[in-house]
Amino acid sequence: SCRESSQEVAVESCSALGMSSDGSMVAVANSGGTVVKVFDSASGTMLHECRRGADRAIISSINFHRSGRVMAVASNHGTVHVFGMR
């Protein structure tokens, strides 16, 4: 699941980073690999918080579609989670 947010959030530790092709969004996976937060790269404001799952995972890749409307997150569990960005 992925929810929208307009809060500013400090990132303490991360396991993976991804950036949209136009550079407007940055995605950060937490150290447990269970949550991916998407930030506006200019303001630092959190735009989305996406839950990948409850089990710890190593995130191997975070990629945005060139439109910026879809983000894919791959892990060592052999899964790819796809999230819609509104």
N, C-alpha and C. Protein backbone atom coordinates (compact mmCIF):
# COMPACT_ATOMS: atom_id res chain seq x y z
N SER A 1 0.84 -1.18 0.00
CA SER A 1 0.00 0.00 0.00
C SER A 1 0.88 1.24 0.00
N CYS A 2 0.34 2.32 -0.52
CA CYS A 2 1.09 3.56 -0.62
C CYS A 2 0.15 4.70 -0.25
N ARG A 3 0.59 5.57 0.65
CA ARG A 3 -0.29 6.67 1.03
C ARG A 3 0.41 7.99 0.79
N GLU A 4 -0.39 8.99 0.51
CA GLU A 4 0.15 10.32 0.27
C GLU A 4 0.38 11.03 1.59
N SER A 5 1.33 11.94 1.59
CA SER A 5 1.64 12.71 2.79
C SER A 5 2.23 14.04 2.37
N SER A 6 2.07 15.03 3.22
CA SER A 6 2.68 16.33 2.96
C SER A 6 3.61 16.73 4.10
N GLN A 7 4.00 15.77 4.92
CA GLN A 7 4.88 16.05 6.05
C GLN A 7 6.33 16.06 5.60
N GLU A 8 7.15 16.86 6.29
CA GLU A 8 8.59 16.78 6.09
C GLU A 8 9.11 15.75 7.08
N VAL A 9 9.98 14.87 6.62
CA VAL A 9 10.46 13.77 7.43
C VAL A 9 11.97 13.69 7.32
N ALA A 10 12.63 13.42 8.45
CA ALA A 10 14.07 13.19 8.45
C ALA A 10 14.33 11.72 8.18
N VAL A 11 15.30 11.45 7.33
CA VAL A 11 15.66 10.07 7.02
C VAL A 11 16.88 9.71 7.85
N GLU A 12 16.74 8.68 8.70
CA GLU A 12 17.82 8.30 9.60
C GLU A 12 18.77 7.29 8.96
N SER A 13 18.25 6.23 8.40
CA SER A 13 19.09 5.23 7.74
C SER A 13 18.31 4.66 6.57
N CYS A 14 19.04 4.28 5.53
CA CYS A 14 18.35 3.76 4.36
C CYS A 14 19.13 2.60 3.77
N SER A 15 18.44 1.77 3.02
CA SER A 15 19.08 0.63 2.38
C SER A 15 19.16 0.78 0.87
N ALA A 16 18.38 1.69 0.29
CA ALA A 16 18.39 1.89 -1.15
C ALA A 16 17.81 3.26 -1.48
N LEU A 17 18.25 3.79 -2.61
CA LEU A 17 17.76 5.08 -3.11
C LEU A 17 17.35 4.93 -4.57
N GLY A 18 16.40 5.73 -4.99
CA GLY A 18 16.01 5.81 -6.39
C GLY A 18 15.58 7.22 -6.70
N MET A 19 15.76 7.63 -7.96
CA MET A 19 15.38 8.99 -8.36
C MET A 19 14.57 8.92 -9.65
N SER A 20 13.54 9.76 -9.73
CA SER A 20 12.74 9.82 -10.94
C SER A 20 13.60 10.37 -12.08
N SER A 21 13.22 10.07 -13.31
CA SER A 21 14.04 10.45 -14.46
C SER A 21 14.18 11.97 -14.62
N ASP A 22 13.18 12.73 -14.15
CA ASP A 22 13.29 14.18 -14.24
C ASP A 22 13.93 14.81 -13.00
N GLY A 23 14.28 13.95 -12.02
CA GLY A 23 14.94 14.43 -10.81
C GLY A 23 14.04 15.08 -9.79
N SER A 24 12.74 15.03 -10.00
CA SER A 24 11.81 15.72 -9.10
C SER A 24 11.48 14.93 -7.84
N MET A 25 11.69 13.59 -7.87
CA MET A 25 11.37 12.75 -6.71
C MET A 25 12.55 11.84 -6.37
N VAL A 26 12.72 11.64 -5.07
CA VAL A 26 13.73 10.71 -4.56
C VAL A 26 13.02 9.70 -3.67
N ALA A 27 13.29 8.42 -3.88
CA ALA A 27 12.72 7.36 -3.06
C ALA A 27 13.80 6.77 -2.17
N VAL A 28 13.45 6.51 -0.91
CA VAL A 28 14.39 6.00 0.08
C VAL A 28 13.74 4.81 0.79
N ALA A 29 14.42 3.65 0.77
CA ALA A 29 13.94 2.47 1.49
C ALA A 29 14.57 2.47 2.88
N ASN A 30 13.77 2.12 3.89
CA ASN A 30 14.32 2.06 5.25
C ASN A 30 15.27 0.88 5.37
N SER A 31 16.02 0.83 6.46
CA SER A 31 17.04 -0.20 6.61
C SER A 31 16.47 -1.60 6.69
N GLY A 32 15.22 -1.75 7.07
CA GLY A 32 14.58 -3.06 7.11
C GLY A 32 13.98 -3.48 5.78
N GLY A 33 13.90 -2.54 4.83
CA GLY A 33 13.34 -2.84 3.52
C GLY A 33 11.83 -3.00 3.51
N THR A 34 11.16 -2.51 4.55
CA THR A 34 9.71 -2.66 4.62
C THR A 34 8.94 -1.42 4.18
N VAL A 35 9.58 -0.27 4.21
CA VAL A 35 8.92 0.99 3.86
C VAL A 35 9.79 1.77 2.88
N VAL A 36 9.15 2.33 1.85
CA VAL A 36 9.83 3.22 0.91
C VAL A 36 9.13 4.56 0.97
N LYS A 37 9.90 5.60 1.27
CA LYS A 37 9.34 6.95 1.31
C LYS A 37 9.79 7.71 0.08
N VAL A 38 8.86 8.48 -0.49
CA VAL A 38 9.14 9.27 -1.69
C VAL A 38 9.07 10.74 -1.31
N PHE A 39 10.13 11.47 -1.66
CA PHE A 39 10.26 12.88 -1.31
C PHE A 39 10.34 13.74 -2.55
N ASP A 40 9.85 14.97 -2.43
CA ASP A 40 10.08 15.99 -3.44
C ASP A 40 11.54 16.39 -3.31
N SER A 41 12.32 16.28 -4.37
CA SER A 41 13.76 16.52 -4.26
C SER A 41 14.09 18.00 -4.06
N ALA A 42 13.23 18.90 -4.46
CA ALA A 42 13.51 20.34 -4.29
C ALA A 42 13.22 20.82 -2.88
N SER A 43 12.10 20.36 -2.31
CA SER A 43 11.69 20.87 -0.99
C SER A 43 12.02 19.92 0.16
N GLY A 44 12.22 18.63 -0.15
CA GLY A 44 12.44 17.65 0.91
C GLY A 44 11.16 17.15 1.56
N THR A 45 10.02 17.60 1.07
CA THR A 45 8.73 17.20 1.61
C THR A 45 8.41 15.76 1.21
N MET A 46 7.96 14.94 2.18
CA MET A 46 7.56 13.58 1.86
C MET A 46 6.23 13.61 1.10
N LEU A 47 6.21 12.94 -0.05
CA LEU A 47 5.02 12.88 -0.89
C LEU A 47 4.22 11.60 -0.68
N HIS A 48 4.92 10.47 -0.49
CA HIS A 48 4.28 9.17 -0.36
C HIS A 48 5.06 8.32 0.64
N GLU A 49 4.35 7.42 1.30
CA GLU A 49 4.97 6.40 2.12
C GLU A 49 4.38 5.06 1.68
N CYS A 50 5.21 4.18 1.16
CA CYS A 50 4.76 2.92 0.58
C CYS A 50 5.25 1.75 1.42
N ARG A 51 4.35 0.88 1.82
CA ARG A 51 4.73 -0.30 2.60
C ARG A 51 4.96 -1.46 1.64
N ARG A 52 6.18 -1.99 1.64
CA ARG A 52 6.55 -3.11 0.77
C ARG A 52 6.10 -4.43 1.35
N GLY A 53 6.15 -4.56 2.65
CA GLY A 53 5.73 -5.79 3.31
C GLY A 53 6.13 -5.75 4.77
N ALA A 54 5.80 -6.80 5.51
CA ALA A 54 6.10 -6.84 6.94
C ALA A 54 7.43 -7.53 7.23
N ASP A 55 7.88 -8.41 6.33
CA ASP A 55 9.13 -9.13 6.53
C ASP A 55 10.32 -8.30 6.05
N ARG A 56 11.41 -8.34 6.83
CA ARG A 56 12.62 -7.62 6.46
C ARG A 56 13.10 -8.11 5.09
N ALA A 57 13.68 -7.20 4.32
CA ALA A 57 14.19 -7.54 2.99
C ALA A 57 15.34 -6.62 2.63
N ILE A 58 16.17 -7.09 1.73
CA ILE A 58 17.23 -6.25 1.17
C ILE A 58 16.70 -5.71 -0.15
N ILE A 59 16.57 -4.40 -0.23
CA ILE A 59 16.06 -3.78 -1.46
C ILE A 59 17.21 -3.67 -2.44
N SER A 60 17.03 -4.27 -3.61
CA SER A 60 18.09 -4.27 -4.62
C SER A 60 17.92 -3.18 -5.66
N SER A 61 16.70 -2.66 -5.80
CA SER A 61 16.46 -1.67 -6.84
C SER A 61 15.18 -0.88 -6.56
N ILE A 62 15.24 0.42 -6.81
CA ILE A 62 14.06 1.29 -6.79
C ILE A 62 14.08 2.07 -8.10
N ASN A 63 13.04 1.93 -8.90
CA ASN A 63 12.97 2.61 -10.19
C ASN A 63 11.60 3.22 -10.40
N PHE A 64 11.61 4.41 -11.00
CA PHE A 64 10.38 5.10 -11.39
C PHE A 64 10.17 4.92 -12.88
N HIS A 65 8.91 4.81 -13.29
CA HIS A 65 8.57 4.90 -14.71
C HIS A 65 8.88 6.32 -15.16
N ARG A 66 9.19 6.50 -16.41
CA ARG A 66 9.58 7.84 -16.89
C ARG A 66 8.48 8.88 -16.69
N SER A 67 7.22 8.44 -16.56
CA SER A 67 6.12 9.36 -16.31
C SER A 67 6.12 9.86 -14.87
N GLY A 68 6.80 9.13 -13.97
CA GLY A 68 6.80 9.47 -12.55
C GLY A 68 5.55 9.00 -11.82
N ARG A 69 4.68 8.30 -12.50
CA ARG A 69 3.41 7.86 -11.89
C ARG A 69 3.47 6.46 -11.29
N VAL A 70 4.55 5.73 -11.56
CA VAL A 70 4.69 4.36 -11.07
C VAL A 70 6.11 4.16 -10.56
N MET A 71 6.22 3.46 -9.42
CA MET A 71 7.53 3.13 -8.86
C MET A 71 7.58 1.62 -8.63
N ALA A 72 8.70 0.99 -8.97
CA ALA A 72 8.89 -0.44 -8.76
C ALA A 72 10.04 -0.64 -7.76
N VAL A 73 9.83 -1.56 -6.81
CA VAL A 73 10.81 -1.86 -5.77
C VAL A 73 11.08 -3.35 -5.79
N ALA A 74 12.35 -3.74 -6.05
CA ALA A 74 12.74 -5.15 -6.09
C ALA A 74 13.52 -5.50 -4.83
N SER A 75 13.36 -6.75 -4.36
CA SER A 75 14.04 -7.18 -3.14
C SER A 75 14.66 -8.56 -3.31
N ASN A 76 15.41 -8.96 -2.29
CA ASN A 76 16.04 -10.28 -2.28
C ASN A 76 15.03 -11.41 -2.09
N HIS A 77 13.78 -11.11 -1.91
CA HIS A 77 12.74 -12.13 -1.79
C HIS A 77 12.28 -12.60 -3.17
N GLY A 78 12.87 -12.01 -4.22
CA GLY A 78 12.48 -12.38 -5.58
C GLY A 78 11.17 -11.74 -6.02
N THR A 79 10.79 -10.66 -5.35
CA THR A 79 9.54 -9.97 -5.69
C THR A 79 9.82 -8.56 -6.18
N VAL A 80 8.87 -8.04 -6.95
CA VAL A 80 8.88 -6.64 -7.36
C VAL A 80 7.53 -6.07 -6.96
N HIS A 81 7.56 -5.05 -6.13
CA HIS A 81 6.32 -4.37 -5.73
C HIS A 81 6.19 -3.12 -6.59
N VAL A 82 5.00 -2.91 -7.14
CA VAL A 82 4.74 -1.77 -8.01
C VAL A 82 3.72 -0.87 -7.31
N PHE A 83 4.07 0.41 -7.20
CA PHE A 83 3.24 1.39 -6.50
C PHE A 83 2.86 2.50 -7.45
N GLY A 84 1.60 2.93 -7.37
CA GLY A 84 1.12 4.07 -8.14
C GLY A 84 1.39 5.36 -7.38
N MET A 85 1.93 6.35 -8.08
CA MET A 85 2.17 7.67 -7.51
C MET A 85 1.12 8.60 -8.12
N ARG A 86 0.31 9.24 -7.27
CA ARG A 86 -0.74 10.13 -7.78
C ARG A 86 -0.21 11.49 -8.11
